[in-house]
N, C-alpha and C. Protein backbone atom coordinates (compact mmCIF):
# COMPACT_ATOMS: atom_id res chain seq x y z
N MET A 1 62.72 113.57 89.04
CA MET A 1 61.51 112.60 89.24
C MET A 1 60.53 113.64 89.21
N GLU A 2 59.47 112.93 88.10
CA GLU A 2 58.12 113.68 87.95
C GLU A 2 56.97 113.14 89.01
N THR A 3 56.32 114.40 89.61
CA THR A 3 55.44 113.43 90.42
C THR A 3 54.08 113.57 90.05
N THR A 4 53.46 112.30 90.01
CA THR A 4 52.07 111.99 89.13
C THR A 4 51.16 112.67 90.48
N ARG A 5 50.33 112.85 89.75
CA ARG A 5 49.09 113.27 90.45
C ARG A 5 47.61 113.06 90.19
N HIS A 6 46.69 112.42 91.07
CA HIS A 6 45.39 112.08 90.50
C HIS A 6 44.25 113.08 91.10
N PHE A 7 43.16 113.10 90.66
CA PHE A 7 42.02 113.78 91.36
C PHE A 7 41.50 112.65 92.05
N THR A 8 41.00 113.20 93.06
CA THR A 8 39.90 112.21 93.96
C THR A 8 38.94 112.68 94.31
N ALA A 9 37.97 112.17 94.77
CA ALA A 9 36.73 112.75 95.58
C ALA A 9 36.59 111.96 96.82
N THR A 10 36.38 112.69 98.26
CA THR A 10 35.71 111.77 99.17
C THR A 10 34.72 112.34 99.81
N VAL A 11 33.92 111.45 100.45
CA VAL A 11 32.43 112.29 101.04
C VAL A 11 32.57 111.80 102.46
N TYR A 12 32.50 112.64 103.37
CA TYR A 12 32.02 112.26 104.75
C TYR A 12 30.46 112.44 104.77
N VAL A 13 29.89 111.13 104.85
CA VAL A 13 28.45 110.79 105.14
C VAL A 13 27.85 110.68 106.51
N VAL A 14 26.61 111.56 106.57
CA VAL A 14 26.19 111.89 108.26
C VAL A 14 24.86 111.45 108.08
N ALA A 15 24.93 110.91 109.01
CA ALA A 15 23.24 110.06 109.44
C ALA A 15 23.21 110.08 110.82
N ASP A 16 21.76 110.77 111.29
CA ASP A 16 21.70 110.73 113.06
C ASP A 16 22.86 111.13 113.64
N GLY A 17 23.74 111.95 113.49
CA GLY A 17 24.84 112.59 113.89
C GLY A 17 26.14 111.90 114.16
N ALA A 18 26.10 111.09 113.14
CA ALA A 18 27.60 110.21 113.31
C ALA A 18 27.74 110.07 111.44
N THR A 19 29.21 110.01 111.48
CA THR A 19 29.85 109.77 109.87
C THR A 19 30.14 108.53 109.79
N ALA A 20 30.26 107.74 108.80
CA ALA A 20 30.87 106.66 108.27
C ALA A 20 32.20 106.45 107.84
N LEU A 21 32.84 105.70 108.74
CA LEU A 21 34.62 105.28 108.25
C LEU A 21 34.70 103.73 108.06
N HIS A 22 35.46 103.42 107.13
CA HIS A 22 36.04 101.94 106.86
C HIS A 22 37.19 101.67 107.03
N ASP A 23 37.69 100.53 107.22
CA ASP A 23 39.12 100.20 107.39
C ASP A 23 39.48 99.90 105.91
N HIS A 24 40.59 100.93 105.53
CA HIS A 24 41.65 100.61 104.10
C HIS A 24 42.21 99.71 104.14
N ARG A 25 42.07 98.60 103.75
CA ARG A 25 42.97 97.37 103.61
C ARG A 25 44.12 97.95 103.37
N ARG A 26 44.57 98.26 102.15
CA ARG A 26 46.17 98.69 101.96
C ARG A 26 46.62 99.73 102.70
N LEU A 27 46.00 100.40 102.99
CA LEU A 27 46.73 101.63 104.05
C LEU A 27 46.44 101.70 105.58
N GLY A 28 45.98 100.65 106.01
CA GLY A 28 45.68 100.53 107.40
C GLY A 28 45.13 101.61 107.94
N ILE A 29 44.26 102.28 107.66
CA ILE A 29 43.41 103.78 108.30
C ILE A 29 42.11 103.46 108.43
N ARG A 30 41.69 104.18 108.76
CA ARG A 30 40.20 104.15 108.96
C ARG A 30 39.66 105.43 108.09
N ILE A 31 38.97 105.32 107.07
CA ILE A 31 38.49 106.65 106.20
C ILE A 31 36.92 106.67 105.47
N PRO A 32 36.63 107.72 105.35
CA PRO A 32 35.23 107.74 104.65
C PRO A 32 35.19 107.44 102.94
N PRO A 33 34.06 107.03 102.70
CA PRO A 33 33.90 106.79 100.97
C PRO A 33 34.89 107.75 100.24
N GLY A 34 35.50 107.26 99.45
CA GLY A 34 35.99 108.03 97.97
C GLY A 34 36.72 107.06 97.39
N GLY A 35 37.53 108.01 96.35
CA GLY A 35 38.26 107.13 95.18
C GLY A 35 38.55 108.06 94.13
N HIS A 36 38.99 107.68 92.80
CA HIS A 36 39.43 108.32 91.83
C HIS A 36 38.33 108.97 91.12
N VAL A 37 38.44 110.10 90.47
CA VAL A 37 37.61 110.87 89.58
C VAL A 37 37.77 109.96 88.35
N ASP A 38 36.75 109.79 88.12
CA ASP A 38 37.02 108.89 86.38
C ASP A 38 37.05 110.04 85.22
N ARG A 39 37.18 109.42 84.13
CA ARG A 39 37.62 110.55 82.87
C ARG A 39 36.46 111.23 82.71
N ASP A 40 35.29 110.42 82.84
CA ASP A 40 34.01 111.26 82.59
C ASP A 40 33.14 111.91 83.54
N GLU A 41 33.48 111.94 84.88
CA GLU A 41 33.04 112.42 86.23
C GLU A 41 33.57 113.76 86.30
N LEU A 42 32.47 114.40 87.19
CA LEU A 42 33.09 115.30 87.94
C LEU A 42 33.20 115.36 89.22
N PRO A 43 33.72 115.68 89.89
CA PRO A 43 34.53 115.49 91.16
C PRO A 43 33.44 115.05 92.16
N HIS A 44 32.12 115.72 92.23
CA HIS A 44 31.13 115.71 92.92
C HIS A 44 30.41 114.40 92.58
N GLU A 45 30.20 114.07 91.24
CA GLU A 45 29.57 112.92 91.01
C GLU A 45 30.61 111.51 91.35
N THR A 46 31.65 111.87 91.40
CA THR A 46 32.69 110.76 92.05
C THR A 46 31.91 110.28 93.59
N ALA A 47 31.91 111.77 94.31
CA ALA A 47 31.87 111.63 95.95
C ALA A 47 30.16 110.50 95.88
N ILE A 48 29.44 110.84 95.10
CA ILE A 48 28.06 110.12 95.18
C ILE A 48 28.40 109.05 94.52
N ARG A 49 28.90 108.56 93.63
CA ARG A 49 29.26 106.98 92.92
C ARG A 49 29.91 106.53 94.00
N GLU A 50 31.05 106.89 94.74
CA GLU A 50 31.75 106.04 95.34
C GLU A 50 30.86 105.87 97.13
N CYS A 51 30.05 106.86 97.06
CA CYS A 51 29.14 106.50 98.17
C CYS A 51 28.38 105.23 98.26
N ARG A 52 27.63 105.69 96.81
CA ARG A 52 26.72 104.47 96.95
C ARG A 52 27.63 102.81 96.58
N GLU A 53 28.57 102.84 95.86
CA GLU A 53 29.34 101.66 95.85
C GLU A 53 29.83 101.29 97.23
N GLU A 54 30.65 101.90 97.91
CA GLU A 54 30.85 101.43 99.01
C GLU A 54 30.08 101.39 100.23
N THR A 55 28.94 101.93 100.32
CA THR A 55 28.10 102.09 101.40
C THR A 55 26.60 101.40 100.85
N GLY A 56 26.26 101.47 99.77
CA GLY A 56 25.18 101.45 99.08
C GLY A 56 23.98 102.42 99.42
N LEU A 57 24.23 103.68 99.92
CA LEU A 57 23.68 104.57 100.49
C LEU A 57 23.56 105.75 99.13
N GLU A 58 22.56 106.40 99.14
CA GLU A 58 22.62 107.60 98.29
C GLU A 58 22.64 109.11 99.02
N ALA A 59 23.94 109.78 98.74
CA ALA A 59 24.34 110.82 99.41
C ALA A 59 23.81 112.04 98.69
N THR A 60 23.38 112.85 99.43
CA THR A 60 22.95 114.23 99.16
C THR A 60 23.97 115.12 99.75
N ILE A 61 24.76 116.10 98.87
CA ILE A 61 25.68 116.70 99.30
C ILE A 61 25.02 117.98 100.12
N ILE A 62 25.58 118.32 100.99
CA ILE A 62 25.19 119.66 101.65
C ILE A 62 25.91 120.63 101.03
N PRO A 63 25.35 121.69 100.51
CA PRO A 63 25.77 122.73 99.58
C PRO A 63 26.41 123.72 100.70
N THR A 64 27.34 124.29 100.16
CA THR A 64 27.70 125.40 100.42
C THR A 64 26.78 126.88 100.19
N GLN A 65 27.01 128.00 100.84
CA GLN A 65 26.64 128.88 100.96
C GLN A 65 26.79 129.95 99.85
N ASP A 66 27.41 129.87 98.96
CA ASP A 66 28.39 130.76 97.95
C ASP A 66 27.22 131.14 97.09
N ARG A 67 27.22 132.27 96.66
CA ARG A 67 26.27 133.19 95.80
C ARG A 67 26.85 132.65 94.30
N ARG A 68 25.66 132.21 93.49
CA ARG A 68 25.71 131.35 92.15
C ARG A 68 25.88 132.31 91.04
N ILE A 69 26.86 132.20 90.55
CA ILE A 69 27.17 132.62 89.27
C ILE A 69 27.15 131.80 87.89
N GLU A 70 26.10 132.21 87.07
CA GLU A 70 25.67 131.56 86.06
C GLU A 70 25.62 132.34 84.63
N THR A 71 26.00 131.90 83.79
CA THR A 71 26.17 132.57 82.45
C THR A 71 25.68 131.53 81.51
N GLU A 72 25.63 131.92 80.23
CA GLU A 72 25.61 130.92 79.12
C GLU A 72 26.36 129.95 78.77
N THR A 73 27.77 130.27 79.14
CA THR A 73 28.52 129.45 78.87
C THR A 73 29.43 128.93 80.28
N GLY A 74 28.67 128.91 81.29
CA GLY A 74 29.24 128.62 82.68
C GLY A 74 28.31 128.25 83.41
N ARG A 75 28.38 127.53 84.47
CA ARG A 75 27.58 126.89 85.43
C ARG A 75 28.27 126.65 86.56
N PRO A 76 27.40 126.89 87.93
CA PRO A 76 28.12 126.79 89.05
C PRO A 76 28.43 124.94 89.53
N LEU A 77 29.59 124.21 89.97
CA LEU A 77 29.57 123.25 90.19
C LEU A 77 29.26 122.82 91.85
N PRO A 78 28.69 121.90 92.44
CA PRO A 78 29.17 121.91 93.80
C PRO A 78 30.56 122.08 94.37
N ARG A 79 30.47 123.06 95.12
CA ARG A 79 31.98 123.15 95.90
C ARG A 79 32.47 122.53 97.06
N PRO A 80 33.34 121.55 96.69
CA PRO A 80 33.64 121.02 98.30
C PRO A 80 34.12 121.72 98.95
N ARG A 81 33.90 121.25 100.47
CA ARG A 81 34.11 121.77 101.42
C ARG A 81 35.77 122.13 101.82
N ARG A 82 36.30 120.93 101.38
CA ARG A 82 37.82 121.26 101.56
C ARG A 82 38.71 120.82 100.35
N GLN A 83 39.89 121.08 100.38
CA GLN A 83 40.84 120.24 99.16
C GLN A 83 41.82 119.90 99.92
N MET A 84 42.46 119.03 99.74
CA MET A 84 43.76 118.43 100.55
C MET A 84 44.54 117.61 99.29
N LEU A 85 45.80 118.17 99.74
CA LEU A 85 46.97 117.18 98.85
C LEU A 85 47.34 116.25 99.70
N TYR A 86 47.35 115.02 99.25
CA TYR A 86 48.01 113.75 99.72
C TYR A 86 49.06 113.46 99.13
N ASP A 87 50.19 113.09 99.97
CA ASP A 87 51.15 112.27 99.69
C ASP A 87 50.83 110.75 99.67
N ILE A 88 50.90 110.16 98.29
CA ILE A 88 50.70 108.72 98.34
C ILE A 88 51.69 107.73 98.32
N ASP A 89 52.78 108.08 97.59
CA ASP A 89 54.05 107.40 97.13
C ASP A 89 55.04 108.36 97.62
N VAL A 90 55.91 107.73 98.70
CA VAL A 90 57.16 108.77 98.98
C VAL A 90 58.45 108.12 99.01
N HIS A 91 59.35 108.17 97.61
CA HIS A 91 60.75 107.37 97.92
C HIS A 91 61.91 108.07 97.91
N ASP A 92 62.87 107.78 98.97
CA ASP A 92 63.94 108.52 99.63
C ASP A 92 63.72 110.20 99.66
N GLY A 93 62.60 110.49 100.22
CA GLY A 93 62.29 111.80 100.57
C GLY A 93 61.64 112.44 99.06
N ARG A 94 61.11 111.94 98.41
CA ARG A 94 60.88 112.31 97.13
C ARG A 94 59.39 112.08 96.84
N VAL A 95 58.36 112.62 96.47
CA VAL A 95 56.86 112.33 96.34
C VAL A 95 56.79 112.17 94.84
N ALA A 96 56.23 110.87 94.59
CA ALA A 96 56.17 110.16 93.30
C ALA A 96 54.61 110.35 92.83
N HIS A 97 53.78 110.68 93.91
CA HIS A 97 52.15 110.28 93.43
C HIS A 97 51.63 110.95 94.66
N GLN A 98 50.68 111.80 94.32
CA GLN A 98 49.84 112.57 95.29
C GLN A 98 48.37 112.38 94.39
N HIS A 99 47.62 112.52 95.67
CA HIS A 99 45.97 112.65 95.56
C HIS A 99 45.79 114.25 95.55
N VAL A 100 45.11 114.79 94.65
CA VAL A 100 44.27 116.19 94.92
C VAL A 100 43.08 115.67 95.31
N ASP A 101 42.54 115.89 96.62
CA ASP A 101 41.26 115.53 97.12
C ASP A 101 40.03 116.52 97.12
N HIS A 102 39.06 116.33 96.57
CA HIS A 102 38.13 117.25 96.88
C HIS A 102 37.09 116.45 97.95
N ILE A 103 37.09 117.55 98.84
CA ILE A 103 36.31 116.74 99.98
C ILE A 103 34.73 117.32 100.19
N TYR A 104 34.03 116.79 100.30
CA TYR A 104 32.50 117.09 100.33
C TYR A 104 31.74 116.57 101.49
N TYR A 105 31.10 116.96 102.17
CA TYR A 105 30.02 116.76 103.21
C TYR A 105 28.90 116.11 102.64
N ALA A 106 28.03 114.94 103.32
CA ALA A 106 26.51 115.03 102.56
C ALA A 106 26.09 114.15 104.28
N THR A 107 24.46 114.14 103.65
CA THR A 107 23.55 113.44 104.60
C THR A 107 23.15 112.13 103.82
N VAL A 108 23.02 110.96 104.25
CA VAL A 108 22.50 109.87 103.59
C VAL A 108 21.29 109.42 104.69
N PRO A 109 20.15 108.89 103.91
CA PRO A 109 18.71 108.49 104.69
C PRO A 109 18.72 107.65 105.72
N SER A 110 20.17 106.46 106.04
CA SER A 110 19.95 105.70 107.13
C SER A 110 21.51 105.42 107.33
N ARG A 111 21.72 104.64 108.20
CA ARG A 111 23.01 103.86 108.76
C ARG A 111 23.09 102.53 108.20
N GLU A 112 21.98 102.19 107.37
CA GLU A 112 22.21 100.69 106.69
C GLU A 112 23.17 100.46 105.52
N ILE A 113 24.64 100.06 106.08
CA ILE A 113 25.25 99.66 105.14
C ILE A 113 25.20 98.66 104.36
N ASP A 114 25.40 98.59 103.08
CA ASP A 114 25.16 97.39 102.03
C ASP A 114 26.25 97.46 100.81
N PRO A 115 27.09 97.48 100.84
CA PRO A 115 28.23 97.51 99.94
C PRO A 115 27.96 96.91 98.67
N ALA A 116 28.19 97.30 97.57
CA ALA A 116 28.49 96.37 96.57
C ALA A 116 29.66 95.08 96.22
N ASP A 117 29.28 94.45 95.67
CA ASP A 117 30.31 93.47 95.42
C ASP A 117 31.49 93.72 95.31
N GLY A 118 32.53 93.43 96.20
CA GLY A 118 33.90 93.31 96.28
C GLY A 118 34.46 94.55 96.73
N GLU A 119 33.73 95.27 97.42
CA GLU A 119 33.97 96.57 98.15
C GLU A 119 33.75 96.10 99.45
N VAL A 120 34.73 96.77 100.67
CA VAL A 120 34.73 96.80 102.16
C VAL A 120 33.58 96.15 102.73
N GLY A 121 33.43 94.98 103.28
CA GLY A 121 32.12 94.35 103.91
C GLY A 121 31.49 95.26 104.75
N VAL A 122 30.22 94.91 105.68
CA VAL A 122 29.35 95.87 106.41
C VAL A 122 30.34 95.69 107.68
N GLU A 123 31.14 94.35 107.74
CA GLU A 123 31.83 94.26 109.22
C GLU A 123 32.72 95.47 109.22
N GLY A 124 33.42 96.34 108.26
CA GLY A 124 34.62 96.79 108.31
C GLY A 124 34.03 98.44 108.28
N TRP A 125 32.93 98.32 108.67
CA TRP A 125 32.17 100.01 108.64
C TRP A 125 31.77 100.00 110.13
N ARG A 126 32.07 101.67 110.43
CA ARG A 126 31.33 101.96 111.71
C ARG A 126 31.20 103.23 111.54
N TRP A 127 30.33 103.54 112.56
CA TRP A 127 29.44 104.79 112.43
C TRP A 127 30.37 105.80 113.96
N TYR A 128 30.80 107.11 113.66
CA TYR A 128 31.41 108.01 114.38
C TYR A 128 30.80 109.10 114.71
N THR A 129 30.06 109.16 116.20
CA THR A 129 29.64 110.43 116.59
C THR A 129 30.77 111.76 116.84
N PRO A 130 30.83 112.41 117.16
CA PRO A 130 31.83 113.63 117.45
C PRO A 130 32.58 113.16 118.74
N GLU A 131 32.13 112.40 119.70
CA GLU A 131 32.95 111.96 120.75
C GLU A 131 33.50 110.73 120.50
N ASP A 132 32.75 109.85 119.73
CA ASP A 132 33.83 108.87 119.08
C ASP A 132 34.85 109.23 118.66
N LEU A 133 34.75 109.87 117.42
CA LEU A 133 36.18 110.41 116.76
C LEU A 133 36.97 111.13 117.62
N ARG A 134 36.77 112.00 118.52
CA ARG A 134 37.88 112.27 119.78
C ARG A 134 38.56 111.18 120.17
N ALA A 135 37.43 110.12 120.87
CA ALA A 135 38.23 109.20 121.63
C ALA A 135 39.01 108.21 120.97
N SER A 136 39.04 108.05 119.51
CA SER A 136 39.28 107.41 118.52
C SER A 136 40.97 107.53 118.37
N ASP A 137 41.46 106.45 117.74
CA ASP A 137 42.99 106.79 117.15
C ASP A 137 42.93 107.02 115.35
N VAL A 138 41.83 107.40 115.36
CA VAL A 138 41.71 107.65 113.83
C VAL A 138 42.64 109.00 113.23
N ASP A 139 42.98 109.17 112.19
CA ASP A 139 44.24 110.38 111.63
C ASP A 139 43.34 111.22 111.72
N GLU A 140 44.27 112.71 112.47
CA GLU A 140 43.80 113.76 112.72
C GLU A 140 42.92 114.29 112.13
N ASP A 141 43.47 114.47 110.59
CA ASP A 141 42.70 115.04 109.31
C ASP A 141 41.24 114.81 109.46
N VAL A 142 41.25 113.32 109.52
CA VAL A 142 39.59 112.38 109.31
C VAL A 142 38.85 112.90 110.41
N VAL A 143 39.43 112.83 111.85
CA VAL A 143 38.55 113.30 113.02
C VAL A 143 38.09 114.79 112.78
N ALA A 144 38.94 115.58 112.46
CA ALA A 144 38.63 117.54 112.32
C ALA A 144 37.55 117.32 110.88
N LEU A 145 38.04 116.51 109.91
CA LEU A 145 36.63 116.79 108.53
C LEU A 145 35.58 115.80 108.95
N GLY A 146 35.80 114.70 109.74
CA GLY A 146 34.28 114.02 110.59
C GLY A 146 33.40 114.82 111.21
N ARG A 147 34.24 115.69 112.09
CA ARG A 147 33.55 116.77 112.98
C ARG A 147 32.91 117.59 112.56
N GLU A 148 33.79 118.22 111.59
CA GLU A 148 33.14 119.46 110.69
C GLU A 148 31.74 119.01 109.77
N ALA A 149 31.83 117.86 109.69
CA ALA A 149 30.83 117.60 108.38
C ALA A 149 29.65 116.75 109.14
N ILE A 150 29.67 116.75 110.37
CA ILE A 150 28.59 116.36 111.40
C ILE A 150 27.95 117.75 111.62
N GLU A 151 28.64 118.22 111.95
CA GLU A 151 28.49 120.04 112.35
C GLU A 151 27.05 120.61 111.06
N ALA A 152 28.02 120.43 109.94
CA ALA A 152 27.54 120.90 108.96
C ALA A 152 26.14 120.29 108.46
N ALA A 153 25.52 119.04 108.61
CA ALA A 153 24.75 118.30 108.71
C ALA A 153 23.82 118.52 109.79
N GLY A 154 24.14 119.51 110.96
CA GLY A 154 23.33 120.05 111.84
C GLY A 154 23.43 119.14 113.14
N GLY A 155 24.37 118.51 113.09
CA GLY A 155 24.88 117.31 114.37
C GLY A 155 25.64 118.37 115.62
N ARG A 156 26.18 117.67 116.06
CA ARG A 156 26.68 118.21 117.34
C ARG A 156 27.99 118.75 116.92
């Protein structure tokens, strides 16, 4: 069986020392904004678009401190803070579908969530401080990445 892999982008958005997570209806877990990279997009563009669609907020990606290398034929892209490989569909111990996730950290101007039509409503979102994340039943990777994003944004 061949494994299908899709490129995705996730963005941990931070405002006032907290990151926003929503209830994912199908998976039954709490996660940040994100989704599949469209054919005409770069991963960081997906992160910004998904944040806008899912929260109504305009994300500003927190840049890494890499030394930029630019040439006539190449230019740097915003680098994800992390990349993760997630098994999405597993059948009889064999992985059928995976997501190659580009994970970005970003700031947003407020905590006023206003999702686009068809997205998880305001009631499905919650802002988590580092303490909230530690005390939650949110998946371990989301806790670690959320706390790291808050720290990168100058939070606690």
